[in-house]
Amino acid sequence: MTRSAKLFVIAAASLGILAGCGGGESASTSNPVMTGNPQEVKIAGSNYKFEVTQGELKAGQPVKLTLEGKAGVHGYKITDSSINETVKSDEVKTVTWTPEKSGEYFVVCSVPCGSGHSSMQAKIVVK
């Protein structure tokens, strides 16, 4: 087998392995079937801020997260969880998250978005 053929086989195998891994986080944020009225949180991201609208959240119960991009591209990462979704302007994504324990969780931007990036965070309270 020639050197270029070997490189092609290695590259194809590497791509196959990477494709099989998928998006990692997306698998953990899949939408399970929920019964009754799920808890809901809406998070809107714009230039250097997140706005969180939430009711009372209870630990151990699924939460429907609606992530809305108002301006720019932002990463919606929730501390102490596997949630980390990228949302563009005028895009809305919905994911399900089950907070395991009560306390404060923070939404932080995981996509560098400019000079105010480091201060871009909001709080979610779980009882």
C-alpha atoms as a PDB file:
ATOM      1  CA  MET A   1       0.000   0.000   0.000  1.00  0.00           C
ATOM      2  CA  THR A   2       1.395   3.393  -0.951  1.00  0.00           C
ATOM      3  CA  ARG A   3       1.980   6.148   1.590  1.00  0.00           C
ATOM      4  CA  SER A   4      -0.899   8.276   0.252  1.00  0.00           C
ATOM      5  CA  ALA A   5      -3.283   5.326   0.414  1.00  0.00           C
ATOM      6  CA  LYS A   6      -2.268   4.702   4.033  1.00  0.00           C
ATOM      7  CA  LEU A   7      -2.839   8.388   4.888  1.00  0.00           C
ATOM      8  CA  PHE A   8      -6.240   8.266   3.205  1.00  0.00           C
ATOM      9  CA  VAL A   9      -7.270   5.182   5.220  1.00  0.00           C
ATOM     10  CA  ILE A  10      -6.097   6.802   8.481  1.00  0.00           C
ATOM     11  CA  ALA A  11      -7.943  10.050   7.678  1.00  0.00           C
ATOM     12  CA  ALA A  12     -11.150   8.195   6.752  1.00  0.00           C
ATOM     13  CA  ALA A  13     -10.996   6.114   9.937  1.00  0.00           C
ATOM     14  CA  SER A  14     -10.411   9.240  12.048  1.00  0.00           C
ATOM     15  CA  LEU A  15     -13.406  10.987  10.497  1.00  0.00           C
ATOM     16  CA  GLY A  16     -15.553   7.915  11.096  1.00  0.00           C
ATOM     17  CA  ILE A  17     -14.572   7.851  14.751  1.00  0.00           C
ATOM     18  CA  LEU A  18     -15.232  11.582  15.180  1.00  0.00           C
ATOM     19  CA  ALA A  19     -18.597  11.351  13.407  1.00  0.00           C
ATOM     20  CA  GLY A  20     -19.604   8.481  15.676  1.00  0.00           C
ATOM     21  CA  CYS A  21     -18.877  10.598  18.733  1.00  0.00           C
ATOM     22  CA  GLY A  22     -21.455  13.193  17.700  1.00  0.00           C
ATOM     23  CA  GLY A  23     -21.884  16.469  19.542  1.00  0.00           C
ATOM     24  CA  GLY A  24     -21.293  15.082  23.025  1.00  0.00           C
ATOM     25  CA  GLU A  25     -23.380  17.655  24.896  1.00  0.00           C
ATOM     26  CA  SER A  26     -26.396  17.256  22.641  1.00  0.00           C
ATOM     27  CA  ALA A  27     -26.793  13.632  23.655  1.00  0.00           C
ATOM     28  CA  SER A  28     -26.986  14.611  27.316  1.00  0.00           C
ATOM     29  CA  THR A  29     -29.485  17.381  26.634  1.00  0.00           C
ATOM     30  CA  SER A  30     -31.951  15.301  24.663  1.00  0.00           C
ATOM     31  CA  ASN A  31     -35.620  15.906  25.250  1.00  0.00           C
ATOM     32  CA  PRO A  32     -37.090  13.063  27.293  1.00  0.00           C
ATOM     33  CA  VAL A  33     -40.845  12.511  27.318  1.00  0.00           C
ATOM     34  CA  MET A  34     -42.275  14.602  30.136  1.00  0.00           C
ATOM     35  CA  THR A  35     -45.672  14.246  31.703  1.00  0.00           C
ATOM     36  CA  GLY A  36     -47.672  17.032  33.343  1.00  0.00           C
ATOM     37  CA  ASN A  37     -46.492  20.621  33.210  1.00  0.00           C
ATOM     38  CA  PRO A  38     -42.702  20.768  33.036  1.00  0.00           C
ATOM     39  CA  GLN A  39     -40.831  23.515  34.820  1.00  0.00           C
ATOM     40  CA  GLU A  40     -39.746  26.207  32.371  1.00  0.00           C
ATOM     41  CA  VAL A  41     -36.906  28.698  32.105  1.00  0.00           C
ATOM     42  CA  LYS A  42     -36.434  31.173  29.274  1.00  0.00           C
ATOM     43  CA  ILE A  43     -32.945  32.554  28.713  1.00  0.00           C
ATOM     44  CA  ALA A  44     -32.384  35.351  26.197  1.00  0.00           C
ATOM     45  CA  GLY A  45     -28.839  36.272  25.180  1.00  0.00           C
ATOM     46  CA  SER A  46     -27.886  39.637  23.736  1.00  0.00           C
ATOM     47  CA  ASN A  47     -24.801  41.830  23.781  1.00  0.00           C
ATOM     48  CA  TYR A  48     -22.981  40.994  27.021  1.00  0.00           C
ATOM     49  CA  LYS A  49     -26.017  39.894  29.036  1.00  0.00           C
ATOM     50  CA  PHE A  50     -28.411  37.038  29.666  1.00  0.00           C
ATOM     51  CA  GLU A  51     -31.983  37.628  30.788  1.00  0.00           C
ATOM     52  CA  VAL A  52     -33.509  34.727  32.730  1.00  0.00           C
ATOM     53  CA  THR A  53     -37.247  34.301  33.226  1.00  0.00           C
ATOM     54  CA  GLN A  54     -38.127  31.496  35.598  1.00  0.00           C
ATOM     55  CA  GLY A  55     -40.667  30.271  38.055  1.00  0.00           C
ATOM     56  CA  GLU A  56     -39.855  28.132  41.079  1.00  0.00           C
ATOM     57  CA  LEU A  57     -37.673  25.184  40.102  1.00  0.00           C
ATOM     58  CA  LYS A  58     -37.439  21.972  42.090  1.00  0.00           C
ATOM     59  CA  ALA A  59     -34.355  19.757  42.176  1.00  0.00           C
ATOM     60  CA  GLY A  60     -34.729  16.363  40.533  1.00  0.00           C
ATOM     61  CA  GLN A  61     -37.506  17.512  38.177  1.00  0.00           C
ATOM     62  CA  PRO A  62     -37.041  18.159  34.427  1.00  0.00           C
ATOM     63  CA  VAL A  63     -36.789  21.764  33.277  1.00  0.00           C
ATOM     64  CA  LYS A  64     -37.612  22.908  29.748  1.00  0.00           C
ATOM     65  CA  LEU A  65     -34.959  25.473  28.792  1.00  0.00           C
ATOM     66  CA  THR A  66     -35.818  27.846  25.967  1.00  0.00           C
ATOM     67  CA  LEU A  67     -32.636  29.530  24.731  1.00  0.00           C
ATOM     68  CA  GLU A  68     -33.208  32.595  22.574  1.00  0.00           C
ATOM     69  CA  GLY A  69     -30.588  34.520  20.627  1.00  0.00           C
ATOM     70  CA  LYS A  70     -31.411  38.226  20.509  1.00  0.00           C
ATOM     71  CA  ALA A  71     -28.059  39.602  19.333  1.00  0.00           C
ATOM     72  CA  GLY A  72     -24.739  37.974  18.466  1.00  0.00           C
ATOM     73  CA  VAL A  73     -23.660  34.369  18.890  1.00  0.00           C
ATOM     74  CA  HIS A  74     -23.440  33.109  22.466  1.00  0.00           C
ATOM     75  CA  GLY A  75     -22.771  29.862  24.295  1.00  0.00           C
ATOM     76  CA  TYR A  76     -25.342  29.029  26.955  1.00  0.00           C
ATOM     77  CA  LYS A  77     -23.361  27.036  29.525  1.00  0.00           C
ATOM     78  CA  ILE A  78     -24.987  26.166  32.845  1.00  0.00           C
ATOM     79  CA  THR A  79     -22.474  25.583  35.635  1.00  0.00           C
ATOM     80  CA  ASP A  80     -22.441  22.151  37.284  1.00  0.00           C
ATOM     81  CA  SER A  81     -24.359  20.647  34.359  1.00  0.00           C
ATOM     82  CA  SER A  82     -23.724  19.252  30.896  1.00  0.00           C
ATOM     83  CA  ILE A  83     -25.687  22.053  29.207  1.00  0.00           C
ATOM     84  CA  ASN A  84     -23.568  24.021  26.729  1.00  0.00           C
ATOM     85  CA  GLU A  85     -25.474  25.128  23.619  1.00  0.00           C
ATOM     86  CA  THR A  86     -24.465  27.695  21.014  1.00  0.00           C
ATOM     87  CA  VAL A  87     -27.301  29.966  19.851  1.00  0.00           C
ATOM     88  CA  LYS A  88     -27.149  32.543  17.041  1.00  0.00           C
ATOM     89  CA  SER A  89     -29.145  35.769  16.633  1.00  0.00           C
ATOM     90  CA  ASP A  90     -32.825  35.119  15.913  1.00  0.00           C
ATOM     91  CA  GLU A  91     -32.425  31.432  16.773  1.00  0.00           C
ATOM     92  CA  VAL A  92     -34.355  29.556  19.475  1.00  0.00           C
ATOM     93  CA  LYS A  93     -33.295  26.196  20.907  1.00  0.00           C
ATOM     94  CA  THR A  94     -35.152  24.095  23.446  1.00  0.00           C
ATOM     95  CA  VAL A  95     -33.371  21.568  25.652  1.00  0.00           C
ATOM     96  CA  THR A  96     -34.301  19.643  28.773  1.00  0.00           C
ATOM     97  CA  TRP A  97     -32.226  19.736  31.932  1.00  0.00           C
ATOM     98  CA  THR A  98     -32.786  18.029  35.280  1.00  0.00           C
ATOM     99  CA  PRO A  99     -30.946  19.854  38.082  1.00  0.00           C
ATOM    100  CA  GLU A 100     -29.809  17.181  40.532  1.00  0.00           C
ATOM    101  CA  LYS A 101     -29.543  19.411  43.611  1.00  0.00           C
ATOM    102  CA  SER A 102     -30.938  22.643  44.987  1.00  0.00           C
ATOM    103  CA  GLY A 103     -28.838  25.797  44.892  1.00  0.00           C
ATOM    104  CA  GLU A 104     -27.688  28.474  42.503  1.00  0.00           C
ATOM    105  CA  TYR A 105     -26.601  27.667  38.968  1.00  0.00           C
ATOM    106  CA  PHE A 106     -25.103  30.220  36.637  1.00  0.00           C
ATOM    107  CA  VAL A 107     -25.562  30.682  32.904  1.00  0.00           C
ATOM    108  CA  VAL A 108     -22.270  31.854  31.430  1.00  0.00           C
ATOM    109  CA  CYS A 109     -21.292  32.590  27.855  1.00  0.00           C
ATOM    110  CA  SER A 110     -18.979  29.889  26.503  1.00  0.00           C
ATOM    111  CA  VAL A 111     -18.344  31.599  23.147  1.00  0.00           C
ATOM    112  CA  PRO A 112     -15.949  34.581  23.233  1.00  0.00           C
ATOM    113  CA  CYS A 113     -18.191  37.464  22.140  1.00  0.00           C
ATOM    114  CA  GLY A 114     -16.253  40.664  22.768  1.00  0.00           C
ATOM    115  CA  SER A 115     -15.105  43.008  25.509  1.00  0.00           C
ATOM    116  CA  GLY A 116     -18.049  42.297  27.877  1.00  0.00           C
ATOM    117  CA  HIS A 117     -17.818  38.510  27.502  1.00  0.00           C
ATOM    118  CA  SER A 118     -16.327  37.808  30.943  1.00  0.00           C
ATOM    119  CA  SER A 119     -19.180  39.573  32.754  1.00  0.00           C
ATOM    120  CA  MET A 120     -21.925  37.799  30.790  1.00  0.00           C
ATOM    121  CA  GLN A 121     -23.743  35.633  33.322  1.00  0.00           C
ATOM    122  CA  ALA A 122     -27.129  35.149  34.973  1.00  0.00           C
ATOM    123  CA  LYS A 123     -28.416  33.100  37.903  1.00  0.00           C
ATOM    124  CA  ILE A 124     -30.912  30.220  38.033  1.00  0.00           C
ATOM    125  CA  VAL A 125     -32.233  29.249  41.468  1.00  0.00           C
ATOM    126  CA  VAL A 126     -33.301  25.670  42.207  1.00  0.00           C
ATOM    127  CA  LYS A 127     -35.060  24.758  45.468  1.00  0.00           C
END
